[in-house]
Amino acid sequence: MITAFDHVALPMGKTQEMVQFYSALGCRVVEQNSGRIFAVVFGDNKINFHAPALWQSGQFTLRGPSALPGCGDLCFVWQGSPQSLDETLAAAGAVIEEGPVPRTGGMNGGSTQGISVYTRDPDANLLEFIIYG
């Protein structure tokens, strides 16, 4: 029985910018595999960003065959206030594309309403930040 995600893996194009961005969001970024993977850790969750040296090598096949930087569409639960989210995104250099808007998230089996804000990271992955009441 599936109970949770362990991690998600995505290709990355702009390594330094991505590391700085996710660090500014408060994530712990851990370089792994001689700089070929950067693990972005928050809570009990992790995103493995595969650096170009890994996914462009032609030898790494444990990935979606058509995945390119910017293919991610991720939703994060924000525990702070809308104001603290705005301040954090501004400090990271993120531009809000949409929101705040009401959305139904995954909490409680996908039945809980929250307020979401959308932005993009330096590789253009779509990021949603949902705040539950």
C-alpha atoms as a PDB file:
ATOM      1  CA  MET A   1       0.000   0.000   0.000  1.00  0.00           C
ATOM      2  CA  ILE A   2       1.356   3.448  -0.945  1.00  0.00           C
ATOM      3  CA  THR A   3       1.363   5.831   2.010  1.00  0.00           C
ATOM      4  CA  ALA A   4       3.433   8.837   0.877  1.00  0.00           C
ATOM      5  CA  PHE A   5       5.948  10.192  -1.589  1.00  0.00           C
ATOM      6  CA  ASP A   6       9.541   9.629  -0.577  1.00  0.00           C
ATOM      7  CA  HIS A   7      11.052  12.035  -3.087  1.00  0.00           C
ATOM      8  CA  VAL A   8      10.664  13.468  -6.574  1.00  0.00           C
ATOM      9  CA  ALA A   9      13.478  13.757  -9.117  1.00  0.00           C
ATOM     10  CA  LEU A  10      13.727  16.418 -11.829  1.00  0.00           C
ATOM     11  CA  PRO A  11      16.381  17.502 -14.316  1.00  0.00           C
ATOM     12  CA  MET A  12      18.012  20.842 -13.571  1.00  0.00           C
ATOM     13  CA  GLY A  13      19.586  23.321 -15.981  1.00  0.00           C
ATOM     14  CA  LYS A  14      20.671  26.329 -13.879  1.00  0.00           C
ATOM     15  CA  THR A  15      22.512  24.681 -11.011  1.00  0.00           C
ATOM     16  CA  GLN A  16      23.810  27.703  -9.063  1.00  0.00           C
ATOM     17  CA  GLU A  17      20.593  29.691  -9.457  1.00  0.00           C
ATOM     18  CA  MET A  18      18.492  26.731  -8.337  1.00  0.00           C
ATOM     19  CA  VAL A  19      20.676  26.097  -5.260  1.00  0.00           C
ATOM     20  CA  GLN A  20      20.448  29.772  -4.268  1.00  0.00           C
ATOM     21  CA  PHE A  21      16.694  29.908  -4.883  1.00  0.00           C
ATOM     22  CA  TYR A  22      15.769  26.855  -2.833  1.00  0.00           C
ATOM     23  CA  SER A  23      18.167  27.895  -0.063  1.00  0.00           C
ATOM     24  CA  ALA A  24      16.415  31.289   0.048  1.00  0.00           C
ATOM     25  CA  LEU A  25      13.087  29.450   0.480  1.00  0.00           C
ATOM     26  CA  GLY A  26      14.498  27.859   3.635  1.00  0.00           C
ATOM     27  CA  CYS A  27      15.290  24.434   2.204  1.00  0.00           C
ATOM     28  CA  ARG A  28      18.450  22.530   3.030  1.00  0.00           C
ATOM     29  CA  VAL A  29      20.385  21.819  -0.172  1.00  0.00           C
ATOM     30  CA  VAL A  30      22.786  18.865  -0.120  1.00  0.00           C
ATOM     31  CA  GLU A  31      25.251  18.224  -2.935  1.00  0.00           C
ATOM     32  CA  GLN A  32      25.474  14.505  -3.740  1.00  0.00           C
ATOM     33  CA  ASN A  33      27.168  12.198  -6.228  1.00  0.00           C
ATOM     34  CA  SER A  34      30.081  14.596  -6.897  1.00  0.00           C
ATOM     35  CA  GLY A  35      27.764  17.494  -7.772  1.00  0.00           C
ATOM     36  CA  ARG A  36      25.608  15.516 -10.182  1.00  0.00           C
ATOM     37  CA  ILE A  37      22.593  15.564  -7.811  1.00  0.00           C
ATOM     38  CA  PHE A  38      21.407  18.341  -5.503  1.00  0.00           C
ATOM     39  CA  ALA A  39      18.936  17.183  -2.868  1.00  0.00           C
ATOM     40  CA  VAL A  40      16.524  19.905  -1.764  1.00  0.00           C
ATOM     41  CA  VAL A  41      15.241  18.865   1.660  1.00  0.00           C
ATOM     42  CA  PHE A  42      12.273  20.321   3.574  1.00  0.00           C
ATOM     43  CA  GLY A  43      10.480  18.539   6.411  1.00  0.00           C
ATOM     44  CA  ASP A  44      10.357  14.822   5.598  1.00  0.00           C
ATOM     45  CA  ASN A  45      10.422  15.546   1.864  1.00  0.00           C
ATOM     46  CA  LYS A  46      13.080  15.792  -0.799  1.00  0.00           C
ATOM     47  CA  ILE A  47      13.474  16.810  -4.424  1.00  0.00           C
ATOM     48  CA  ASN A  48      16.522  15.392  -6.197  1.00  0.00           C
ATOM     49  CA  PHE A  49      17.557  17.836  -8.899  1.00  0.00           C
ATOM     50  CA  HIS A  50      19.758  16.103 -11.465  1.00  0.00           C
ATOM     51  CA  ALA A  51      22.501  18.403 -12.749  1.00  0.00           C
ATOM     52  CA  PRO A  52      23.161  18.584 -16.508  1.00  0.00           C
ATOM     53  CA  ALA A  53      26.327  16.476 -16.127  1.00  0.00           C
ATOM     54  CA  LEU A  54      24.080  13.600 -15.039  1.00  0.00           C
ATOM     55  CA  TRP A  55      20.969  13.822 -17.209  1.00  0.00           C
ATOM     56  CA  GLN A  56      22.832  14.911 -20.370  1.00  0.00           C
ATOM     57  CA  SER A  57      25.437  12.139 -20.107  1.00  0.00           C
ATOM     58  CA  GLY A  58      23.421   9.663 -22.149  1.00  0.00           C
ATOM     59  CA  GLN A  59      24.300   7.004 -19.597  1.00  0.00           C
ATOM     60  CA  PHE A  60      21.699   7.880 -16.957  1.00  0.00           C
ATOM     61  CA  THR A  61      18.493   6.099 -17.915  1.00  0.00           C
ATOM     62  CA  LEU A  62      16.615   6.095 -14.586  1.00  0.00           C
ATOM     63  CA  ARG A  63      14.610   9.160 -15.557  1.00  0.00           C
ATOM     64  CA  GLY A  64      11.638  10.139 -17.638  1.00  0.00           C
ATOM     65  CA  PRO A  65      12.933   9.992 -21.213  1.00  0.00           C
ATOM     66  CA  SER A  66      11.361  13.301 -22.257  1.00  0.00           C
ATOM     67  CA  ALA A  67      11.969  15.215 -18.996  1.00  0.00           C
ATOM     68  CA  LEU A  68      13.824  18.505 -19.423  1.00  0.00           C
ATOM     69  CA  PRO A  69      14.442  21.374 -16.993  1.00  0.00           C
ATOM     70  CA  GLY A  70      11.187  23.178 -16.302  1.00  0.00           C
ATOM     71  CA  CYS A  71       8.995  20.055 -16.517  1.00  0.00           C
ATOM     72  CA  GLY A  72       8.072  20.114 -12.808  1.00  0.00           C
ATOM     73  CA  ASP A  73       4.746  21.206 -11.392  1.00  0.00           C
ATOM     74  CA  LEU A  74       5.112  21.052  -7.597  1.00  0.00           C
ATOM     75  CA  CYS A  75       2.884  22.078  -4.703  1.00  0.00           C
ATOM     76  CA  PHE A  76       4.342  22.907  -1.295  1.00  0.00           C
ATOM     77  CA  VAL A  77       2.423  23.351   1.953  1.00  0.00           C
ATOM     78  CA  TRP A  78       3.345  26.709   3.522  1.00  0.00           C
ATOM     79  CA  GLN A  79       3.022  26.793   7.324  1.00  0.00           C
ATOM     80  CA  GLY A  80       3.400  30.547   7.713  1.00  0.00           C
ATOM     81  CA  SER A  81       1.172  33.495   6.943  1.00  0.00           C
ATOM     82  CA  PRO A  82       0.461  34.836   3.468  1.00  0.00           C
ATOM     83  CA  GLN A  83       2.644  37.831   4.350  1.00  0.00           C
ATOM     84  CA  SER A  84       5.600  35.609   5.316  1.00  0.00           C
ATOM     85  CA  LEU A  85       5.195  33.700   2.034  1.00  0.00           C
ATOM     86  CA  ASP A  86       5.210  36.957   0.064  1.00  0.00           C
ATOM     87  CA  GLU A  87       8.325  38.123   1.911  1.00  0.00           C
ATOM     88  CA  THR A  88      10.127  34.806   1.401  1.00  0.00           C
ATOM     89  CA  LEU A  89       9.293  34.667  -2.305  1.00  0.00           C
ATOM     90  CA  ALA A  90      10.410  38.281  -2.760  1.00  0.00           C
ATOM     91  CA  ALA A  91      13.708  37.566  -0.986  1.00  0.00           C
ATOM     92  CA  ALA A  92      14.243  34.578  -3.312  1.00  0.00           C
ATOM     93  CA  GLY A  93      13.587  36.784  -6.344  1.00  0.00           C
ATOM     94  CA  ALA A  94      10.390  34.919  -7.283  1.00  0.00           C
ATOM     95  CA  VAL A  95       7.624  36.661  -9.206  1.00  0.00           C
ATOM     96  CA  ILE A  96       4.053  35.705  -8.338  1.00  0.00           C
ATOM     97  CA  GLU A  97       2.204  34.492 -11.445  1.00  0.00           C
ATOM     98  CA  GLU A  98      -1.173  33.921  -9.833  1.00  0.00           C
ATOM     99  CA  GLY A  99      -2.749  34.174  -6.434  1.00  0.00           C
ATOM    100  CA  PRO A 100      -3.694  34.167  -3.798  1.00  0.00           C
ATOM    101  CA  VAL A 101      -6.526  31.966  -5.106  1.00  0.00           C
ATOM    102  CA  PRO A 102      -8.667  29.245  -3.454  1.00  0.00           C
ATOM    103  CA  ARG A 103      -7.601  25.688  -4.304  1.00  0.00           C
ATOM    104  CA  THR A 104      -8.342  22.151  -3.157  1.00  0.00           C
ATOM    105  CA  GLY A 105      -5.158  20.456  -2.016  1.00  0.00           C
ATOM    106  CA  GLY A 106      -4.174  16.923  -1.119  1.00  0.00           C
ATOM    107  CA  MET A 107      -4.682  17.216   2.621  1.00  0.00           C
ATOM    108  CA  ASN A 108      -7.370  14.994   4.187  1.00  0.00           C
ATOM    109  CA  GLY A 109      -7.710  12.871   1.076  1.00  0.00           C
ATOM    110  CA  GLY A 110      -7.968  15.794  -1.302  1.00  0.00           C
ATOM    111  CA  SER A 111     -10.944  17.455   0.338  1.00  0.00           C
ATOM    112  CA  THR A 112      -9.370  20.429   2.110  1.00  0.00           C
ATOM    113  CA  GLN A 113      -9.511  23.953   0.737  1.00  0.00           C
ATOM    114  CA  GLY A 114      -6.528  26.266   0.948  1.00  0.00           C
ATOM    115  CA  ILE A 115      -5.228  29.476  -0.539  1.00  0.00           C
ATOM    116  CA  SER A 116      -2.521  29.115  -3.197  1.00  0.00           C
ATOM    117  CA  VAL A 117       0.143  31.332  -4.731  1.00  0.00           C
ATOM    118  CA  TYR A 118       1.975  30.337  -7.927  1.00  0.00           C
ATOM    119  CA  THR A 119       5.494  31.208  -9.040  1.00  0.00           C
ATOM    120  CA  ARG A 120       8.410  29.624 -10.915  1.00  0.00           C
ATOM    121  CA  ASP A 121      11.921  28.634  -9.934  1.00  0.00           C
ATOM    122  CA  PRO A 122      14.987  29.603 -12.032  1.00  0.00           C
ATOM    123  CA  ASP A 123      14.460  26.571 -14.326  1.00  0.00           C
ATOM    124  CA  ALA A 124      10.787  27.606 -14.855  1.00  0.00           C
ATOM    125  CA  ASN A 125       9.274  24.714 -12.874  1.00  0.00           C
ATOM    126  CA  LEU A 126       5.807  25.785 -11.729  1.00  0.00           C
ATOM    127  CA  LEU A 127       5.612  26.051  -7.940  1.00  0.00           C
ATOM    128  CA  GLU A 128       2.390  26.286  -5.985  1.00  0.00           C
ATOM    129  CA  PHE A 129       2.448  27.238  -2.308  1.00  0.00           C
ATOM    130  CA  ILE A 130      -0.769  26.316  -0.519  1.00  0.00           C
ATOM    131  CA  ILE A 131      -1.751  27.666   2.890  1.00  0.00           C
ATOM    132  CA  TYR A 132      -4.380  25.711   4.786  1.00  0.00           C
ATOM    133  CA  GLY A 133      -6.555  27.549   7.301  1.00  0.00           C
END
